[in-house]
C-alpha atoms as a PDB file:
ATOM      1  CA  MET A   1      18.029 -19.131  -3.712  1.00  0.00           C
ATOM      2  CA  PRO A   2      15.775 -20.316  -5.952  1.00  0.00           C
ATOM      3  CA  ARG A   3      13.148 -17.474  -7.392  1.00  0.00           C
ATOM      4  CA  THR A   4       9.394 -18.186  -6.722  1.00  0.00           C
ATOM      5  CA  SER A   5       6.482 -17.209  -7.620  1.00  0.00           C
ATOM      6  CA  VAL A   6       4.828 -17.389  -4.661  1.00  0.00           C
ATOM      7  CA  ILE A   7       5.399 -16.947  -1.112  1.00  0.00           C
ATOM      8  CA  PRO A   8       2.843 -19.457   0.660  1.00  0.00           C
ATOM      9  CA  ALA A   9       0.244 -18.653   3.215  1.00  0.00           C
ATOM     10  CA  GLY A  10       1.617 -19.551   6.604  1.00  0.00           C
ATOM     11  CA  THR A  11       4.906 -18.821   5.912  1.00  0.00           C
ATOM     12  CA  ARG A  12       6.979 -18.663   8.923  1.00  0.00           C
ATOM     13  CA  GLU A  13      10.994 -19.645   8.021  1.00  0.00           C
ATOM     14  CA  GLY A  14      13.376 -17.515   5.824  1.00  0.00           C
ATOM     15  CA  VAL A  15      14.637 -14.129   4.586  1.00  0.00           C
ATOM     16  CA  TRP A  16      12.679 -12.798   1.184  1.00  0.00           C
ATOM     17  CA  THR A  17      12.781 -10.308  -1.247  1.00  0.00           C
ATOM     18  CA  VAL A  18       9.858  -8.664  -3.182  1.00  0.00           C
ATOM     19  CA  VAL A  19      10.552  -7.058  -6.041  1.00  0.00           C
ATOM     20  CA  THR A  20       7.045  -4.934  -7.370  1.00  0.00           C
ATOM     21  CA  HIS A  21       5.976  -2.196  -9.551  1.00  0.00           C
ATOM     22  CA  THR A  22       7.331   0.170  -7.766  1.00  0.00           C
ATOM     23  CA  SER A  23       9.038  -1.094  -4.696  1.00  0.00           C
ATOM     24  CA  THR A  24      11.582  -3.655  -2.889  1.00  0.00           C
ATOM     25  CA  TYR A  25      10.524  -5.389   0.190  1.00  0.00           C
ATOM     26  CA  VAL A  26      12.604  -7.600   2.393  1.00  0.00           C
ATOM     27  CA  LEU A  27      10.349  -9.967   4.344  1.00  0.00           C
ATOM     28  CA  ASP A  28      12.656 -11.844   7.252  1.00  0.00           C
ATOM     29  CA  PHE A  29      10.397 -14.113   8.998  1.00  0.00           C
ATOM     30  CA  GLU A  30      12.895 -15.169  11.603  1.00  0.00           C
ATOM     31  CA  GLU A  31      12.990 -11.745  13.001  1.00  0.00           C
ATOM     32  CA  MET A  32       9.240 -11.188  11.949  1.00  0.00           C
ATOM     33  CA  THR A  33      10.351  -8.063  10.006  1.00  0.00           C
ATOM     34  CA  LEU A  34       9.185  -6.009   7.040  1.00  0.00           C
ATOM     35  CA  LEU A  35      11.118  -3.399   4.729  1.00  0.00           C
ATOM     36  CA  ARG A  36       9.924  -1.083   2.282  1.00  0.00           C
ATOM     37  CA  ALA A  37      12.499   0.289  -0.708  1.00  0.00           C
ATOM     38  CA  PRO A  38      10.401   2.268  -2.545  1.00  0.00           C
ATOM     39  CA  GLY A  39      11.033   3.583  -5.756  1.00  0.00           C
ATOM     40  CA  VAL A  40      13.456   0.312  -6.465  1.00  0.00           C
ATOM     41  CA  GLY A  41      10.816  -1.495  -8.201  1.00  0.00           C
ATOM     42  CA  ARG A  42      10.263  -2.729 -11.715  1.00  0.00           C
ATOM     43  CA  HIS A  43       8.359  -1.228 -14.084  1.00  0.00           C
ATOM     44  CA  SER A  44       7.705  -0.365 -17.435  1.00  0.00           C
ATOM     45  CA  ASP A  45       4.889   2.198 -17.385  1.00  0.00           C
ATOM     46  CA  GLU A  46       5.398   5.366 -16.161  1.00  0.00           C
ATOM     47  CA  HIS A  47       1.838   5.590 -14.323  1.00  0.00           C
ATOM     48  CA  TRP A  48       3.144   4.262 -11.727  1.00  0.00           C
ATOM     49  CA  GLU A  49       3.926   6.630  -8.499  1.00  0.00           C
ATOM     50  CA  VAL A  50       5.314   5.810  -5.853  1.00  0.00           C
ATOM     51  CA  SER A  51       3.767   6.508  -2.721  1.00  0.00           C
ATOM     52  CA  GLU A  52       5.176   6.878   0.601  1.00  0.00           C
ATOM     53  CA  LEU A  53       4.401   5.145   3.356  1.00  0.00           C
ATOM     54  CA  ARG A  54       5.184   5.374   7.343  1.00  0.00           C
ATOM     55  CA  ARG A  55       8.456   4.010   7.915  1.00  0.00           C
ATOM     56  CA  ASP A  56       9.824   3.234   4.622  1.00  0.00           C
ATOM     57  CA  SER A  57      13.024   1.864   4.607  1.00  0.00           C
ATOM     58  CA  GLU A  58      12.660   0.910   8.557  1.00  0.00           C
ATOM     59  CA  ASP A  59      12.161  -2.748   9.699  1.00  0.00           C
ATOM     60  CA  ILE A  60       9.001  -3.371  11.136  1.00  0.00           C
ATOM     61  CA  PRO A  61       7.217  -6.220  12.886  1.00  0.00           C
ATOM     62  CA  LEU A  62       5.570  -8.377  10.202  1.00  0.00           C
ATOM     63  CA  LEU A  63       2.616 -11.018  10.942  1.00  0.00           C
ATOM     64  CA  GLY A  64       2.096 -12.530   8.204  1.00  0.00           C
ATOM     65  CA  VAL A  65       1.429 -12.451   4.828  1.00  0.00           C
ATOM     66  CA  LYS A  66      -2.331 -13.417   3.244  1.00  0.00           C
ATOM     67  CA  GLU A  67      -1.027 -13.063  -0.397  1.00  0.00           C
ATOM     68  CA  CYS A  68       2.319 -13.217  -2.595  1.00  0.00           C
ATOM     69  CA  THR A  69       1.851 -13.849  -5.833  1.00  0.00           C
ATOM     70  CA  VAL A  70       3.505 -12.992  -8.817  1.00  0.00           C
ATOM     71  CA  GLY A  71       1.532 -10.860 -11.405  1.00  0.00           C
ATOM     72  CA  ARG A  72      -0.680  -9.936  -8.568  1.00  0.00           C
ATOM     73  CA  PRO A  73      -0.304  -6.823  -5.619  1.00  0.00           C
ATOM     74  CA  ALA A  74       0.872  -8.816  -2.062  1.00  0.00           C
ATOM     75  CA  GLN A  75      -0.777  -8.306   1.327  1.00  0.00           C
ATOM     76  CA  PHE A  76       1.279  -7.869   4.311  1.00  0.00           C
ATOM     77  CA  TRP A  77      -0.804  -7.468   7.591  1.00  0.00           C
ATOM     78  CA  VAL A  78       1.469  -5.870   9.933  1.00  0.00           C
ATOM     79  CA  ALA A  79       1.999  -3.310  13.496  1.00  0.00           C
ATOM     80  CA  ALA A  80       2.733  -0.099  13.736  1.00  0.00           C
ATOM     81  CA  ALA A  81       6.615  -0.059  14.775  1.00  0.00           C
ATOM     82  CA  ASP A  82       5.627   2.721  17.922  1.00  0.00           C
ATOM     83  CA  ASP A  83       2.181   1.042  19.203  1.00  0.00           C
ATOM     84  CA  PRO A  84       1.901  -2.819  18.409  1.00  0.00           C
ATOM     85  CA  ASP A  85      -1.557  -3.139  19.274  1.00  0.00           C
ATOM     86  CA  VAL A  86      -2.237  -1.375  15.583  1.00  0.00           C
ATOM     87  CA  ARG A  87      -2.268  -3.432  13.288  1.00  0.00           C
ATOM     88  CA  THR A  88      -3.336  -2.424   9.263  1.00  0.00           C
ATOM     89  CA  TRP A  89      -2.267  -4.146   5.689  1.00  0.00           C
ATOM     90  CA  ARG A  90       0.990  -3.925   3.421  1.00  0.00           C
ATOM     91  CA  ILE A  91      -0.839  -3.683   0.324  1.00  0.00           C
ATOM     92  CA  THR A  92       1.758  -2.950  -2.961  1.00  0.00           C
ATOM     93  CA  THR A  93       1.442  -2.595  -6.386  1.00  0.00           C
ATOM     94  CA  PRO A  94       1.695  -5.772  -8.568  1.00  0.00           C
ATOM     95  CA  VAL A  95       4.485  -8.793  -7.485  1.00  0.00           C
ATOM     96  CA  VAL A  96       7.131  -9.102 -10.288  1.00  0.00           C
ATOM     97  CA  GLU A  97      10.077 -11.266  -8.824  1.00  0.00           C
ATOM     98  CA  ILE A  98       9.894 -13.154  -5.571  1.00  0.00           C
ATOM     99  CA  GLU A  99      13.191 -15.161  -4.003  1.00  0.00           C
ATOM    100  CA  ARG A 100      13.807 -16.854  -1.376  1.00  0.00           C
ATOM    101  CA  ILE A 101      17.758 -15.604  -0.155  1.00  0.00           C
ATOM    102  CA  GLY A 102      18.018 -16.499   3.279  1.00  0.00           C
END
């Protein structure tokens, strides 16, 4: 599948990988889930630290994408896995690569 420079807001299909400076995310729009693999990113600058977030390496409910563009931090709208009434933003380190894999 092709690499791209953006996942358009409102995307509702496909499976995508998003590599940031510090982590890799898998967005599954068929299942509407987001998975974060911390520490699996690409950065050459040592000042980037890997943060630990709740539910790392677990699928969490994905509600949508506000911003996902190479060179900028991505913004993912998610629900808490244990309480769907709790919603929050996941804001990443700058995106390095985006690829649709399914």
